[in-house]
Protein backbone atom coordinates (compact mmCIF):
# COMPACT_ATOMS: atom_id res chain seq x y z
CA MET A 1 26.33 -13.68 18.87
CA THR A 2 22.67 -14.35 18.92
CA VAL A 3 21.00 -12.23 16.13
CA ARG A 4 17.88 -10.44 18.03
CA PHE A 5 14.96 -9.58 16.36
CA ALA A 6 12.30 -6.52 17.56
CA VAL A 7 9.36 -5.10 15.41
CA VAL A 8 7.26 -2.57 15.67
CA GLY A 9 3.28 -2.84 15.61
CA THR A 10 0.56 -3.84 17.51
CA PRO A 11 0.84 -6.31 20.25
CA GLY A 12 -1.03 -9.52 18.81
CA ASP A 13 -1.96 -8.48 15.47
CA ARG A 14 -1.74 -10.74 12.72
CA ARG A 15 1.27 -9.29 10.81
CA VAL A 16 3.70 -9.16 14.42
CA THR A 17 2.83 -12.85 14.93
CA LEU A 18 3.56 -14.00 11.37
CA PHE A 19 6.72 -12.44 12.07
CA ARG A 20 6.98 -14.16 15.21
CA ASP A 21 6.49 -17.17 13.95
CA ALA A 22 9.02 -16.91 11.04
CA VAL A 23 11.86 -15.36 13.31
CA VAL A 24 10.98 -18.56 16.02
CA ALA A 25 11.17 -21.02 12.98
CA ARG A 26 14.40 -19.85 12.59
CA GLY A 27 15.27 -20.94 16.32
CA LEU A 28 15.98 -17.21 17.18
CA PRO A 29 15.02 -15.47 20.58
CA GLU A 30 10.86 -13.95 20.13
CA PRO A 31 11.22 -10.58 18.37
CA TYR A 32 10.56 -7.68 21.17
CA VAL A 33 7.48 -5.70 20.68
CA VAL A 34 7.66 -1.98 20.42
CA PRO A 35 3.54 -0.83 20.47
CA TRP A 36 2.79 1.48 17.86
CA ARG A 37 1.00 3.16 20.86
CA ASP A 38 3.66 3.74 22.81
CA VAL A 39 5.61 5.97 19.94
CA LEU A 40 2.37 7.88 18.74
CA ALA A 41 2.39 8.87 22.87
CA GLY A 42 6.21 10.07 22.71
CA HIS A 43 6.57 7.34 25.46
CA GLU A 44 10.36 6.32 25.96
CA LEU A 45 11.57 3.59 23.25
CA GLY A 46 14.00 1.16 23.66
CA ALA A 47 14.92 -2.43 21.98
CA PRO A 48 17.15 -4.95 22.72
CA ALA A 49 21.22 -3.68 21.97
CA GLY A 50 22.13 -4.26 18.07
CA ALA A 51 18.04 -5.46 17.73
CA LEU A 52 17.60 -5.71 13.55
CA VAL A 53 14.28 -3.87 14.16
CA ARG A 54 11.34 -4.30 11.50
CA ILE A 55 8.80 -1.47 11.10
CA ASP A 56 5.09 -2.62 10.72
CA SER A 57 1.67 -1.14 10.17
CA PRO A 58 0.36 1.15 13.04
CA GLY A 59 -3.41 -0.75 11.73
CA GLU A 60 -6.38 -2.74 13.16
CA ASP A 61 -5.35 -0.92 16.02
CA ALA A 62 -8.74 2.17 17.85
CA GLY A 63 -6.19 3.20 19.57
CA ALA A 64 -3.15 4.59 17.87
CA ASP A 65 -5.63 5.41 14.91
CA GLU A 66 -6.75 7.89 17.57
CA LEU A 67 -3.49 8.89 18.55
CA LEU A 68 -2.65 9.41 14.92
CA ARG A 69 -5.62 11.26 13.44
CA GLY A 70 -8.09 11.90 16.63
CA PRO A 71 -11.05 11.10 18.10
CA GLY A 72 -13.36 9.07 15.73
CA ASP A 73 -14.62 6.01 14.29
CA PRO A 74 -11.74 4.13 13.27
CA ALA A 75 -13.11 3.10 9.84
CA ARG A 76 -13.88 6.95 9.13
CA VAL A 77 -12.79 8.09 5.88
CA GLY A 78 -10.40 11.36 5.62
CA GLY A 79 -8.31 13.00 8.44
CA GLY A 80 -4.85 11.52 5.77
CA ALA A 81 -3.16 14.69 6.69
CA ALA A 82 -3.40 14.54 10.23
CA TRP A 83 -2.25 10.68 10.28
CA TYR A 84 0.55 11.57 7.81
CA ARG A 85 2.09 14.24 10.33
CA SER A 86 2.00 11.98 13.26
CA PHE A 87 3.05 8.95 11.43
CA THR A 88 6.30 10.79 10.08
CA ALA A 89 6.78 12.04 13.28
CA GLY A 90 6.09 8.61 14.81
CA LEU A 91 9.41 7.44 12.34
CA GLY A 92 11.65 10.03 13.66
CA ARG A 93 11.22 8.33 17.42
CA ILE A 94 11.60 5.32 15.86
CA ALA A 95 14.42 6.07 14.19
CA ALA A 96 16.19 7.59 17.29
CA ILE A 97 15.85 4.43 19.22
CA PRO A 98 19.40 3.92 20.44
CA GLY A 99 21.63 0.40 19.31
CA VAL A 100 19.41 -0.47 16.69
CA ARG A 101 19.50 -0.90 13.30
CA LEU A 102 16.05 -0.29 10.87
CA LEU A 103 15.10 -2.75 8.16
CA GLY A 104 12.90 0.05 6.68
CA ASP A 105 14.02 2.91 6.15
CA VAL A 106 12.26 5.61 7.76
CA ASP A 107 12.51 8.27 4.87
CA GLU A 108 11.41 5.71 2.18
CA ILE A 109 9.38 4.23 4.25
CA ALA A 110 7.72 8.32 4.58
CA VAL A 111 7.86 8.67 0.35
CA MET A 112 5.47 5.46 -0.13
CA PHE A 113 3.14 7.03 2.03
CA ASP A 114 2.49 9.84 -0.21
CA LYS A 115 0.96 8.87 -3.24
CA ARG A 116 2.34 12.15 -4.96
CA ARG A 117 5.84 11.72 -3.70
CA CYS A 118 6.29 8.22 -4.45
CA HIS A 119 4.59 8.68 -8.05
CA ALA A 120 7.38 11.27 -8.40
CA VAL A 121 10.32 8.83 -7.56
CA LEU A 122 9.18 6.17 -9.57
CA ALA A 123 8.30 7.68 -12.88
CA ALA A 124 11.97 9.93 -12.28
CA ALA A 125 13.49 6.35 -12.40
CA GLY A 126 11.62 5.20 -15.36
CA VAL A 127 9.14 3.13 -13.92
CA PRO A 128 5.90 3.32 -15.96
CA VAL A 129 3.69 4.84 -14.04
CA PRO A 130 0.14 5.86 -14.97
CA GLU A 131 0.26 9.68 -15.64
CA ALA A 132 -1.35 11.91 -13.14
CA PHE A 133 -1.72 15.06 -11.45
CA GLU A 134 -2.79 16.86 -8.23
CA ALA A 135 -6.41 18.11 -7.28
CA VAL A 136 -7.40 20.61 -4.69
CA SER A 137 -11.12 20.39 -5.29
CA TYR A 138 -13.78 18.69 -7.60
CA GLU A 139 -13.79 21.94 -10.04
CA GLN A 140 -10.20 21.81 -10.62
CA LEU A 141 -10.59 17.64 -10.81
CA ARG A 142 -13.37 18.17 -13.54
CA ALA A 143 -11.29 21.53 -14.99
CA GLU A 144 -7.60 19.31 -15.64
CA MET A 145 -9.55 16.14 -16.80
CA ALA A 146 -11.13 18.03 -20.11
CA ARG A 147 -8.30 19.96 -20.46
CA ARG A 148 -6.10 16.50 -20.72
CA GLY A 149 -9.04 14.59 -22.79
CA TRP A 150 -9.59 12.57 -19.81
CA ALA A 151 -12.75 10.59 -19.32
CA ARG A 152 -11.75 8.52 -16.57
CA VAL A 153 -9.27 8.59 -13.79
CA PHE A 154 -8.89 7.20 -10.05
CA VAL A 155 -8.88 9.75 -7.37
CA LYS A 156 -6.90 8.56 -4.41
CA PRO A 157 -6.28 10.19 -1.02
CA ALA A 158 -2.49 11.27 -0.95
CA HIS A 159 -1.70 9.42 2.22
CA GLY A 160 -4.46 6.88 2.17
CA SER A 161 -4.24 3.16 1.98
CA SER A 162 -6.56 0.14 1.75
CA ALA A 163 -8.18 1.75 -0.98
CA SER A 164 -9.76 4.12 1.67
CA GLY A 165 -11.68 6.78 0.10
CA VAL A 166 -10.13 5.99 -3.43
CA ILE A 167 -12.72 7.05 -6.29
CA ALA A 168 -13.02 5.34 -9.61
CA PHE A 169 -14.31 8.60 -11.33
CA GLN A 170 -15.35 9.00 -15.16
CA ALA A 171 -17.12 11.68 -16.73
CA HIS A 172 -18.51 11.58 -20.47
CA ALA A 173 -21.52 13.17 -22.47
CA GLY A 174 -22.74 15.13 -19.35
CA ARG A 175 -22.66 12.33 -16.94
CA ILE A 176 -20.53 11.13 -13.85
CA ARG A 177 -20.05 8.00 -12.32
CA ALA A 178 -18.08 7.09 -9.23
CA VAL A 179 -17.20 4.12 -7.53
CA THR A 180 -15.88 4.65 -4.33
CA SER A 181 -15.62 2.31 -0.87
CA ALA A 182 -16.53 5.89 0.99
CA VAL A 183 -20.34 5.23 2.39
CA PRO A 184 -22.25 7.64 4.85
CA ILE A 185 -22.97 5.60 7.89
CA ASP A 186 -24.67 7.75 10.50
CA GLY A 187 -23.83 11.07 8.90
CA VAL A 188 -20.12 10.05 8.81
CA LEU A 189 -18.03 8.60 5.59
CA CYS A 190 -17.02 5.45 6.12
CA ASN A 191 -15.22 2.72 4.67
CA SER A 192 -17.66 -0.01 3.47
CA LEU A 193 -16.84 -3.46 2.62
CA ARG A 194 -19.08 -3.16 0.04
CA PRO A 195 -18.35 -0.05 -2.51
CA ARG A 196 -21.21 2.26 -3.75
CA THR A 197 -21.85 4.05 -6.83
CA VAL A 198 -22.35 7.50 -7.14
CA THR A 199 -24.13 9.00 -10.14
CA GLU A 200 -25.41 12.27 -9.32
CA GLU A 201 -22.81 14.83 -9.29
CA ALA A 202 -23.65 16.92 -6.54
CA GLN A 203 -22.90 13.74 -3.99
CA ALA A 204 -19.25 13.16 -6.33
CA ARG A 205 -18.84 17.03 -6.01
CA ARG A 206 -18.87 16.72 -2.23
CA LEU A 207 -17.52 13.36 -1.66
CA VAL A 208 -14.14 15.11 -3.73
CA ASP A 209 -14.50 17.91 -2.05
CA PHE A 210 -14.04 16.30 1.35
CA LEU A 211 -11.21 14.79 0.64
CA ALA A 212 -9.35 17.49 -0.84
CA PRO A 213 -7.95 19.43 1.59
CA ASP A 214 -6.07 16.20 2.92
CA GLY A 215 -4.36 16.17 -0.35
CA LEU A 216 -5.53 14.17 -3.58
CA HIS A 217 -3.49 12.13 -5.93
CA VAL A 218 -5.46 11.96 -9.64
CA GLU A 219 -4.18 8.77 -12.19
CA ARG A 220 -5.74 8.28 -15.33
CA TRP A 221 -7.32 5.30 -15.78
CA PHE A 222 -5.35 2.18 -17.27
CA PRO A 223 -7.27 -0.01 -18.93
CA LYS A 224 -6.61 -3.47 -17.33
CA ALA A 225 -6.25 -6.82 -18.35
CA ALA A 226 -9.48 -9.23 -17.88
CA THR A 227 -9.36 -13.10 -16.83
CA GLY A 228 -13.09 -14.83 -16.54
CA GLY A 229 -14.46 -11.68 -16.99
CA ARG A 230 -12.54 -10.34 -14.22
CA ALA A 231 -10.39 -7.22 -14.44
CA PHE A 232 -7.09 -7.94 -12.31
CA ASP A 233 -3.63 -6.51 -11.30
CA LEU A 234 -0.93 -8.19 -8.93
CA ARG A 235 0.89 -7.60 -5.84
CA VAL A 236 4.19 -8.19 -5.94
CA VAL A 237 6.59 -8.87 -2.44
CA THR A 238 10.20 -7.81 -3.01
CA VAL A 239 12.86 -8.72 -0.28
CA ALA A 240 15.94 -7.60 -0.41
CA GLY A 241 15.60 -5.70 -3.92
CA ARG A 242 14.38 -9.15 -5.92
CA PRO A 243 10.70 -10.16 -6.40
CA THR A 244 9.55 -13.61 -4.55
CA HIS A 245 6.00 -13.31 -3.94
CA ALA A 246 2.64 -12.53 -5.77
CA VAL A 247 -0.80 -12.89 -5.96
CA VAL A 248 -3.28 -11.83 -8.80
CA ARG A 249 -6.18 -10.00 -7.58
CA THR A 250 -9.05 -9.76 -9.74
CA SER A 251 -12.86 -8.13 -9.63
CA ARG A 252 -15.56 -7.15 -10.87
CA ALA A 253 -15.10 -3.62 -9.55
CA PRO A 254 -12.55 -1.05 -10.46
CA MET A 255 -11.19 -1.47 -7.06
CA THR A 256 -9.51 -5.06 -7.06
CA ASN A 257 -8.36 -5.09 -3.43
CA LEU A 258 -8.83 -8.36 -1.54
CA HIS A 259 -10.63 -7.22 1.61
CA LEU A 260 -13.57 -5.29 -0.87
CA GLY A 261 -14.61 -8.12 -2.57
CA GLY A 262 -11.46 -9.12 -4.98
CA ALA A 263 -10.26 -13.11 -5.27
CA ARG A 264 -7.00 -14.31 -5.66
CA GLY A 265 -6.52 -15.22 -9.47
CA ASP A 266 -4.58 -17.80 -10.83
CA LEU A 267 -0.70 -16.92 -11.16
CA ASP A 268 -0.23 -19.05 -14.22
CA VAL A 269 -2.54 -16.76 -16.33
CA VAL A 270 0.07 -14.58 -16.05
CA ARG A 271 3.07 -16.44 -16.19
CA GLY A 272 2.35 -18.43 -19.15
CA ARG A 273 2.18 -15.15 -21.24
CA ALA A 274 5.22 -15.15 -23.07
CA GLY A 275 7.43 -12.28 -22.12
CA LEU A 276 4.66 -11.21 -19.39
CA TRP A 277 5.74 -12.60 -16.65
CA GLU A 278 9.23 -11.28 -17.43
CA ARG A 279 8.12 -7.62 -17.64
CA VAL A 280 6.21 -8.16 -14.51
CA LEU A 281 8.75 -9.15 -12.48
CA GLU A 282 11.45 -6.41 -14.13
CA VAL A 283 9.24 -4.13 -13.36
CA SER A 284 8.88 -4.83 -9.95
CA ALA A 285 12.30 -5.14 -9.37
CA ARG A 286 12.81 -1.27 -11.06
CA ALA A 287 10.09 -0.09 -8.49
CA ALA A 288 11.89 -1.57 -5.61
CA ALA A 289 15.22 -0.19 -6.75
CA CYS A 290 14.04 2.78 -5.93
CA PHE A 291 13.87 1.99 -2.09
CA PRO A 292 16.80 0.75 -1.76
CA ARG A 293 17.75 0.51 2.39
CA SER A 294 14.27 -0.93 2.32
CA LEU A 295 14.10 -4.87 2.84
CA SER A 296 10.76 -5.29 1.56
CA THR A 297 8.18 -3.77 -0.40
CA GLY A 298 4.45 -4.62 -1.79
CA VAL A 299 4.10 -3.72 -5.75
CA ASP A 300 0.99 -3.08 -7.38
CA VAL A 301 1.31 -3.97 -10.88
CA MET A 302 -1.39 -3.38 -13.67
CA VAL A 303 -1.51 -5.18 -16.70
CA GLY A 304 -2.84 -3.45 -19.44
CA SER A 305 -5.70 -4.52 -21.45
CA ASP A 306 -3.33 -5.45 -24.33
CA TRP A 307 -1.64 -8.45 -22.50
CA ARG A 308 1.84 -6.37 -22.82
CA SER A 309 2.17 -3.07 -21.56
CA VAL A 310 2.25 -3.24 -17.41
CA ALA A 311 2.51 0.29 -15.04
CA VAL A 312 2.91 0.65 -11.26
CA ALA A 313 -0.06 1.86 -9.35
CA GLU A 314 1.48 2.05 -5.94
CA VAL A 315 4.30 0.86 -3.78
CA ASN A 316 3.58 -0.47 -0.41
CA ALA A 317 5.77 0.07 2.48
CA PHE A 318 3.86 -2.75 4.46
CA GLY A 319 2.20 -4.80 1.63
CA ASP A 320 4.01 -8.11 2.60
CA LEU A 321 0.62 -9.63 4.16
CA LEU A 322 0.84 -12.26 1.81
CA PRO A 323 -0.38 -15.48 4.48
CA GLY A 324 0.12 -18.93 3.11
CA LEU A 325 1.81 -17.70 -0.32
CA GLY A 326 5.25 -19.47 -1.13
CA ASP A 327 8.05 -18.10 -3.08
CA PHE A 328 8.78 -18.64 -6.34
CA SER A 329 11.99 -20.60 -5.51
CA GLY A 330 9.95 -22.63 -4.41
CA HIS A 331 11.50 -22.83 -1.13
CA GLY A 332 7.98 -22.70 0.89
CA ARG A 333 9.27 -19.54 2.61
CA ASP A 334 6.16 -17.08 3.29
CA THR A 335 7.04 -13.90 3.04
CA TYR A 336 8.31 -12.98 6.42
CA ALA A 337 10.42 -16.02 6.71
CA GLU A 338 11.58 -14.82 3.05
CA GLN A 339 12.94 -11.49 4.94
CA VAL A 340 14.54 -13.54 7.57
CA GLU A 341 16.08 -15.76 5.56
CA ALA A 342 17.50 -12.50 3.55
CA VAL A 343 18.19 -10.46 6.86
CA LEU A 344 20.74 -13.70 8.29
CA THR A 345 22.33 -14.53 4.85
CA ALA A 346 22.21 -11.38 2.45
CA TRP A 347 21.01 -8.08 2.76
CA THR A 348 22.96 -5.70 4.38
């Protein structure tokens, strides 16, 4: 019997195209595409009987974004709680497609898209993570920072992705400094590729209180190692629970996301440190083990300024978009080809 794949995504999206290429390269039929718009609009869903269904990101689609959190500029910040309710309802509809097998567990995906729940799951499993608390207002943020004696934190919307609305916040000696990708454009807070720095407390208060109703996850600042004057972390992709690909992300700003001006660094800088690379791989595998029914995860691993300690910042359900990157084993497979290989040979 011929193996048949299907993918829930946006037709023409780069992720869908790369996965399609990996499937076709194995001599298999092109994956059947279930559009996220159909999922979110409540249309009847179907896929070939027995298909192996990959769930991909609903991002990069203005129509899907409108169905997820209502009309507005797709680049706007906020609306995460509404987005999450619509998204998880969509996951439920995907799980109900008859006669197919999912390559990503919808309950695990839902946990990964709630930073508070994901952090709790990782911590309970003994995975090293920064200390954290939840906040519902700027006042609570400042009060809890003072109570804990923390001067620097990352304030993250509970359901955001791609650093949307994230604030690198510090308060010391009566002064504050907040670096964020949320920039006002025509009166609307939107994600910008050029993060701004806020030093006026009234502006920081407005920003935090605007985001707070959707839920805030606040993490203690983890001092990162630096190379060439740029702090860095790693995105480690796991497939079938095993780390297979990694990229070093470097930046002079607090956020290392490549789309915010971060740059790919030299992975050998990490691999060449005795014991460090092994710790990165071990922690990534332990994080992936918290989501055993998910074929792939993207684990964001921070290396401490001591070049020994490591901590997991996030686990991403759709964190495998690393085009042009080969696997550790030297087979030359990208993240998508690695997943197809795992499904066809080993993963259950």
